[in-house]
Amino acid sequence: MSERRAKRQKGVRHLWYGLGLVAGVAALVAVQVLPKLEDYALRTGGAAIAPAAGSGAAFSGSTWRLIGIGATPGEDLPQGTTGVTAIIGVTPGDDAAAKAMAKGCETAVRDARQRVWTTSSRVKGVAGVSTLCTQIDRKTYKPILAKPGVEVRFQASFAVPADAVSSLRVEVRLPDHYESFVRLTPPGPPSAEPPRAG
């Protein structure tokens, strides 16, 4: 066997070893990462719970209401889109409801054409209103449970096409509550001004 042929066979073996190593690493990453991706993806499905006329929506032991939704400025938004911010109020009915909120809330908006948008960090919200539905202890980084009977207010901001703004509804899901979610509809079209926190 010539020296050249031996080098070529050795190179082919190294190539196969390398490809095997790449495939093994990819499989290991898939096993470790893929099951966790659902924690970061927008969930769909489930039954929408809407508020009764003139009241809040009862969902997961809490009462939810849309305080306001209106235009807010954004940075580097794609052409044809506009920023909107929704302020949501939630009042836990008991300790179990407060614990259900402790893992956070997943907020989205949906228009009349069933298009859905998740929150955008490019849109500036309303000063002085939290972007989280639960407070976090700055020392321990653990959630501070809301007090039953006391309303918590938080905001969520979105970049949406201009033609979607007039028909937006706000949807809120909780991490461990898969069978349903709350859908909040503004009493009128979103304001051209930022929503008031009160």
C-alpha atoms as a PDB file:
ATOM      1  CA  MET A   1       0.000   0.000   0.000  1.00  0.00           C
ATOM      2  CA  SER A   2       1.398   3.358  -0.970  1.00  0.00           C
ATOM      3  CA  GLU A   3       2.073   5.994   1.633  1.00  0.00           C
ATOM      4  CA  ARG A   4      -0.354   8.330  -0.104  1.00  0.00           C
ATOM      5  CA  ARG A   5      -3.173   5.784   0.036  1.00  0.00           C
ATOM      6  CA  ALA A   6      -2.472   5.064   3.726  1.00  0.00           C
ATOM      7  CA  LYS A   7      -2.700   8.792   4.529  1.00  0.00           C
ATOM      8  CA  ARG A   8      -5.990   9.035   2.625  1.00  0.00           C
ATOM      9  CA  GLN A   9      -7.481   6.078   4.539  1.00  0.00           C
ATOM     10  CA  LYS A  10      -6.287   7.568   7.813  1.00  0.00           C
ATOM     11  CA  GLY A  11      -7.912  10.892   6.849  1.00  0.00           C
ATOM     12  CA  VAL A  12     -11.177   9.125   5.996  1.00  0.00           C
ATOM     13  CA  ARG A  13     -11.135   7.359   9.382  1.00  0.00           C
ATOM     14  CA  HIS A  14     -10.562  10.688  11.157  1.00  0.00           C
ATOM     15  CA  LEU A  15     -13.418  12.206   9.163  1.00  0.00           C
ATOM     16  CA  TRP A  16     -15.776   9.427  10.301  1.00  0.00           C
ATOM     17  CA  TYR A  17     -14.610   9.788  13.900  1.00  0.00           C
ATOM     18  CA  GLY A  18     -15.197  13.533  13.661  1.00  0.00           C
ATOM     19  CA  LEU A  19     -18.669  13.097  12.165  1.00  0.00           C
ATOM     20  CA  GLY A  20     -19.508  10.545  14.861  1.00  0.00           C
ATOM     21  CA  LEU A  21     -18.345  12.961  17.553  1.00  0.00           C
ATOM     22  CA  VAL A  22     -20.438  15.794  16.065  1.00  0.00           C
ATOM     23  CA  ALA A  23     -23.507  13.528  15.895  1.00  0.00           C
ATOM     24  CA  GLY A  24     -22.960  12.404  19.501  1.00  0.00           C
ATOM     25  CA  VAL A  25     -22.676  15.995  20.760  1.00  0.00           C
ATOM     26  CA  ALA A  26     -25.778  17.006  18.770  1.00  0.00           C
ATOM     27  CA  ALA A  27     -27.745  14.106  20.284  1.00  0.00           C
ATOM     28  CA  LEU A  28     -26.586  15.046  23.785  1.00  0.00           C
ATOM     29  CA  VAL A  29     -27.592  18.685  23.269  1.00  0.00           C
ATOM     30  CA  ALA A  30     -30.984  17.594  21.896  1.00  0.00           C
ATOM     31  CA  VAL A  31     -31.630  15.367  24.913  1.00  0.00           C
ATOM     32  CA  GLN A  32     -30.677  18.155  27.333  1.00  0.00           C
ATOM     33  CA  VAL A  33     -32.196  21.194  25.572  1.00  0.00           C
ATOM     34  CA  LEU A  34     -35.266  20.146  23.576  1.00  0.00           C
ATOM     35  CA  PRO A  35     -37.437  19.210  26.577  1.00  0.00           C
ATOM     36  CA  LYS A  36     -36.780  22.684  28.021  1.00  0.00           C
ATOM     37  CA  LEU A  37     -37.746  24.591  24.859  1.00  0.00           C
ATOM     38  CA  GLU A  38     -41.437  24.395  25.732  1.00  0.00           C
ATOM     39  CA  ASP A  39     -40.659  26.631  28.712  1.00  0.00           C
ATOM     40  CA  TYR A  40     -39.726  29.416  26.282  1.00  0.00           C
ATOM     41  CA  ALA A  41     -42.271  28.897  23.521  1.00  0.00           C
ATOM     42  CA  LEU A  42     -45.666  30.555  23.425  1.00  0.00           C
ATOM     43  CA  ARG A  43     -48.245  27.977  24.383  1.00  0.00           C
ATOM     44  CA  THR A  44     -51.421  27.668  22.394  1.00  0.00           C
ATOM     45  CA  GLY A  45     -54.702  25.895  22.919  1.00  0.00           C
ATOM     46  CA  GLY A  46     -56.893  25.704  25.973  1.00  0.00           C
ATOM     47  CA  ALA A  47     -60.206  27.377  26.675  1.00  0.00           C
ATOM     48  CA  ALA A  48     -60.400  31.165  26.809  1.00  0.00           C
ATOM     49  CA  ILE A  49     -61.980  32.593  29.953  1.00  0.00           C
ATOM     50  CA  ALA A  50     -63.452  36.049  29.375  1.00  0.00           C
ATOM     51  CA  PRO A  51     -64.823  38.419  31.994  1.00  0.00           C
ATOM     52  CA  ALA A  52     -68.549  38.762  32.562  1.00  0.00           C
ATOM     53  CA  ALA A  53     -70.059  42.109  31.593  1.00  0.00           C
ATOM     54  CA  GLY A  54     -68.888  44.830  33.958  1.00  0.00           C
ATOM     55  CA  SER A  55     -66.642  42.562  36.045  1.00  0.00           C
ATOM     56  CA  GLY A  56     -63.268  40.887  36.024  1.00  0.00           C
ATOM     57  CA  ALA A  57     -62.484  37.403  34.747  1.00  0.00           C
ATOM     58  CA  ALA A  58     -62.155  34.620  37.324  1.00  0.00           C
ATOM     59  CA  PHE A  59     -59.109  32.557  36.366  1.00  0.00           C
ATOM     60  CA  SER A  60     -56.910  30.287  38.499  1.00  0.00           C
ATOM     61  CA  GLY A  61     -58.362  31.605  41.762  1.00  0.00           C
ATOM     62  CA  SER A  62     -57.745  35.253  40.878  1.00  0.00           C
ATOM     63  CA  THR A  63     -59.783  38.056  39.350  1.00  0.00           C
ATOM     64  CA  TRP A  64     -58.216  39.588  36.235  1.00  0.00           C
ATOM     65  CA  ARG A  65     -59.048  42.869  34.518  1.00  0.00           C
ATOM     66  CA  LEU A  66     -57.642  44.985  31.727  1.00  0.00           C
ATOM     67  CA  ILE A  67     -57.012  48.416  33.237  1.00  0.00           C
ATOM     68  CA  GLY A  68     -56.012  50.014  29.964  1.00  0.00           C
ATOM     69  CA  ILE A  69     -54.296  49.567  26.622  1.00  0.00           C
ATOM     70  CA  GLY A  70     -52.755  52.320  24.537  1.00  0.00           C
ATOM     71  CA  ALA A  71     -49.984  53.436  22.244  1.00  0.00           C
ATOM     72  CA  THR A  72     -46.436  53.656  23.606  1.00  0.00           C
ATOM     73  CA  PRO A  73     -43.211  54.539  21.785  1.00  0.00           C
ATOM     74  CA  GLY A  74     -40.727  51.947  20.615  1.00  0.00           C
ATOM     75  CA  GLU A  75     -37.155  51.779  19.347  1.00  0.00           C
ATOM     76  CA  ASP A  76     -36.221  50.442  15.907  1.00  0.00           C
ATOM     77  CA  LEU A  77     -39.655  48.976  15.287  1.00  0.00           C
ATOM     78  CA  PRO A  78     -40.201  47.391  11.874  1.00  0.00           C
ATOM     79  CA  GLN A  79     -41.912  49.637   9.353  1.00  0.00           C
ATOM     80  CA  GLY A  80     -45.686  49.484   9.579  1.00  0.00           C
ATOM     81  CA  THR A  81     -45.745  48.438  13.232  1.00  0.00           C
ATOM     82  CA  THR A  82     -46.657  50.399  16.319  1.00  0.00           C
ATOM     83  CA  GLY A  83     -46.027  49.958  20.020  1.00  0.00           C
ATOM     84  CA  VAL A  84     -48.852  49.254  22.449  1.00  0.00           C
ATOM     85  CA  THR A  85     -48.823  48.609  26.174  1.00  0.00           C
ATOM     86  CA  ALA A  86     -51.493  46.872  28.226  1.00  0.00           C
ATOM     87  CA  ILE A  87     -51.855  47.324  31.975  1.00  0.00           C
ATOM     88  CA  ILE A  88     -53.427  44.347  33.697  1.00  0.00           C
ATOM     89  CA  GLY A  89     -54.745  44.084  37.236  1.00  0.00           C
ATOM     90  CA  VAL A  90     -54.946  40.753  39.047  1.00  0.00           C
ATOM     91  CA  THR A  91     -56.331  40.113  42.522  1.00  0.00           C
ATOM     92  CA  PRO A  92     -55.503  36.708  44.008  1.00  0.00           C
ATOM     93  CA  GLY A  93     -58.392  35.228  45.967  1.00  0.00           C
ATOM     94  CA  ASP A  94     -56.253  33.182  48.356  1.00  0.00           C
ATOM     95  CA  ASP A  95     -52.715  31.913  49.022  1.00  0.00           C
ATOM     96  CA  ALA A  96     -53.041  29.167  46.389  1.00  0.00           C
ATOM     97  CA  ALA A  97     -53.907  31.768  43.736  1.00  0.00           C
ATOM     98  CA  ALA A  98     -50.945  33.904  44.814  1.00  0.00           C
ATOM     99  CA  LYS A  99     -48.654  30.867  44.490  1.00  0.00           C
ATOM    100  CA  ALA A 100     -50.022  30.178  40.993  1.00  0.00           C
ATOM    101  CA  MET A 101     -48.819  33.654  39.952  1.00  0.00           C
ATOM    102  CA  ALA A 102     -45.393  33.218  41.570  1.00  0.00           C
ATOM    103  CA  LYS A 103     -43.901  31.559  38.469  1.00  0.00           C
ATOM    104  CA  GLY A 104     -44.848  34.546  36.322  1.00  0.00           C
ATOM    105  CA  CYS A 105     -47.405  35.267  33.648  1.00  0.00           C
ATOM    106  CA  GLU A 106     -47.141  34.748  29.883  1.00  0.00           C
ATOM    107  CA  THR A 107     -48.875  37.634  28.125  1.00  0.00           C
ATOM    108  CA  ALA A 108     -49.763  37.978  24.446  1.00  0.00           C
ATOM    109  CA  VAL A 109     -52.153  39.980  22.279  1.00  0.00           C
ATOM    110  CA  ARG A 110     -54.456  38.629  19.570  1.00  0.00           C
ATOM    111  CA  ASP A 111     -56.278  40.573  16.858  1.00  0.00           C
ATOM    112  CA  ALA A 112     -59.555  39.886  15.058  1.00  0.00           C
ATOM    113  CA  ARG A 113     -57.676  37.934  12.354  1.00  0.00           C
ATOM    114  CA  GLN A 114     -56.330  35.566  15.057  1.00  0.00           C
ATOM    115  CA  ARG A 115     -52.767  36.812  14.704  1.00  0.00           C
ATOM    116  CA  VAL A 116     -50.831  36.598  17.981  1.00  0.00           C
ATOM    117  CA  TRP A 117     -47.864  38.650  19.232  1.00  0.00           C
ATOM    118  CA  THR A 118     -45.726  38.134  22.304  1.00  0.00           C
ATOM    119  CA  THR A 119     -44.113  40.885  24.351  1.00  0.00           C
ATOM    120  CA  SER A 120     -41.421  43.093  22.837  1.00  0.00           C
ATOM    121  CA  SER A 121     -38.496  44.659  24.688  1.00  0.00           C
ATOM    122  CA  ARG A 122     -38.295  47.314  21.959  1.00  0.00           C
ATOM    123  CA  VAL A 123     -41.482  48.999  23.151  1.00  0.00           C
ATOM    124  CA  LYS A 124     -41.228  51.363  26.103  1.00  0.00           C
ATOM    125  CA  GLY A 125     -43.946  50.833  28.631  1.00  0.00           C
ATOM    126  CA  VAL A 126     -45.424  53.021  31.333  1.00  0.00           C
ATOM    127  CA  ALA A 127     -43.095  54.380  34.010  1.00  0.00           C
ATOM    128  CA  GLY A 128     -43.617  53.060  37.501  1.00  0.00           C
ATOM    129  CA  VAL A 129     -45.502  49.883  36.534  1.00  0.00           C
ATOM    130  CA  SER A 130     -43.854  46.473  36.876  1.00  0.00           C
ATOM    131  CA  THR A 131     -43.407  44.221  33.856  1.00  0.00           C
ATOM    132  CA  LEU A 132     -43.854  41.170  36.109  1.00  0.00           C
ATOM    133  CA  CYS A 133     -47.065  39.895  37.643  1.00  0.00           C
ATOM    134  CA  THR A 134     -45.127  38.906  40.741  1.00  0.00           C
ATOM    135  CA  GLN A 135     -42.471  40.823  42.638  1.00  0.00           C
ATOM    136  CA  ILE A 136     -38.986  39.370  43.030  1.00  0.00           C
ATOM    137  CA  ASP A 137     -36.943  39.716  46.228  1.00  0.00           C
ATOM    138  CA  ARG A 138     -33.759  41.573  45.236  1.00  0.00           C
ATOM    139  CA  LYS A 139     -31.615  39.658  47.738  1.00  0.00           C
ATOM    140  CA  THR A 140     -32.843  36.099  47.268  1.00  0.00           C
ATOM    141  CA  TYR A 141     -34.264  36.411  43.714  1.00  0.00           C
ATOM    142  CA  LYS A 142     -37.292  34.456  44.910  1.00  0.00           C
ATOM    143  CA  PRO A 143     -40.872  35.548  44.208  1.00  0.00           C
ATOM    144  CA  ILE A 144     -42.711  37.582  46.814  1.00  0.00           C
ATOM    145  CA  LEU A 145     -46.252  36.249  46.970  1.00  0.00           C
ATOM    146  CA  ALA A 146     -49.031  38.750  46.382  1.00  0.00           C
ATOM    147  CA  LYS A 147     -51.442  39.327  49.239  1.00  0.00           C
ATOM    148  CA  PRO A 148     -54.863  37.764  48.745  1.00  0.00           C
ATOM    149  CA  GLY A 149     -57.490  40.417  48.091  1.00  0.00           C
ATOM    150  CA  VAL A 150     -54.948  43.042  47.006  1.00  0.00           C
ATOM    151  CA  GLU A 151     -54.701  43.917  43.311  1.00  0.00           C
ATOM    152  CA  VAL A 152     -51.315  43.603  41.613  1.00  0.00           C
ATOM    153  CA  ARG A 153     -50.784  45.695  38.488  1.00  0.00           C
ATOM    154  CA  PHE A 154     -48.330  44.843  35.742  1.00  0.00           C
ATOM    155  CA  GLN A 155     -47.752  45.831  32.147  1.00  0.00           C
ATOM    156  CA  ALA A 156     -46.934  44.075  28.906  1.00  0.00           C
ATOM    157  CA  SER A 157     -45.741  45.840  25.746  1.00  0.00           C
ATOM    158  CA  PHE A 158     -46.035  44.665  22.153  1.00  0.00           C
ATOM    159  CA  ALA A 159     -45.002  45.675  18.631  1.00  0.00           C
ATOM    160  CA  VAL A 160     -47.938  44.980  16.329  1.00  0.00           C
ATOM    161  CA  PRO A 161     -48.979  45.921  12.771  1.00  0.00           C
ATOM    162  CA  ALA A 162     -50.879  49.197  12.701  1.00  0.00           C
ATOM    163  CA  ASP A 163     -53.968  47.474  11.262  1.00  0.00           C
ATOM    164  CA  ALA A 164     -54.182  45.150  14.284  1.00  0.00           C
ATOM    165  CA  VAL A 165     -54.345  47.782  17.019  1.00  0.00           C
ATOM    166  CA  SER A 166     -58.091  48.436  16.933  1.00  0.00           C
ATOM    167  CA  SER A 167     -59.062  44.788  17.565  1.00  0.00           C
ATOM    168  CA  LEU A 168     -56.457  43.684  20.124  1.00  0.00           C
ATOM    169  CA  ARG A 169     -57.380  41.439  23.040  1.00  0.00           C
ATOM    170  CA  VAL A 170     -54.954  40.575  25.825  1.00  0.00           C
ATOM    171  CA  GLU A 171     -54.347  36.943  26.762  1.00  0.00           C
ATOM    172  CA  VAL A 172     -52.603  35.813  29.953  1.00  0.00           C
ATOM    173  CA  ARG A 173     -51.458  32.276  30.708  1.00  0.00           C
ATOM    174  CA  LEU A 174     -49.889  30.810  33.833  1.00  0.00           C
ATOM    175  CA  PRO A 175     -47.025  28.274  33.602  1.00  0.00           C
ATOM    176  CA  ASP A 176     -48.825  25.391  35.355  1.00  0.00           C
ATOM    177  CA  HIS A 177     -52.314  26.095  34.024  1.00  0.00           C
ATOM    178  CA  TYR A 178     -52.519  24.502  30.562  1.00  0.00           C
ATOM    179  CA  GLU A 179     -56.215  23.842  30.107  1.00  0.00           C
ATOM    180  CA  SER A 180     -57.311  27.482  30.010  1.00  0.00           C
ATOM    181  CA  PHE A 181     -56.196  31.104  29.922  1.00  0.00           C
ATOM    182  CA  VAL A 182     -57.766  34.504  30.512  1.00  0.00           C
ATOM    183  CA  ARG A 183     -58.742  36.730  27.566  1.00  0.00           C
ATOM    184  CA  LEU A 184     -59.307  40.418  28.325  1.00  0.00           C
ATOM    185  CA  THR A 185     -61.042  42.703  25.834  1.00  0.00           C
ATOM    186  CA  PRO A 186     -60.815  46.492  26.158  1.00  0.00           C
ATOM    187  CA  PRO A 187     -64.168  48.292  26.455  1.00  0.00           C
ATOM    188  CA  GLY A 188     -63.250  50.413  23.429  1.00  0.00           C
ATOM    189  CA  PRO A 189     -60.440  50.787  20.909  1.00  0.00           C
ATOM    190  CA  PRO A 190     -56.947  51.217  22.367  1.00  0.00           C
ATOM    191  CA  SER A 191     -56.038  54.789  23.227  1.00  0.00           C
ATOM    192  CA  ALA A 192     -53.647  56.820  21.104  1.00  0.00           C
ATOM    193  CA  GLU A 193     -52.003  57.764  24.418  1.00  0.00           C
ATOM    194  CA  PRO A 194     -50.164  55.525  26.893  1.00  0.00           C
ATOM    195  CA  PRO A 195     -52.578  53.767  29.259  1.00  0.00           C
ATOM    196  CA  ARG A 196     -53.012  55.066  32.791  1.00  0.00           C
ATOM    197  CA  ALA A 197     -51.916  52.808  35.604  1.00  0.00           C
ATOM    198  CA  GLY A 198     -54.928  53.658  37.755  1.00  0.00           C
END
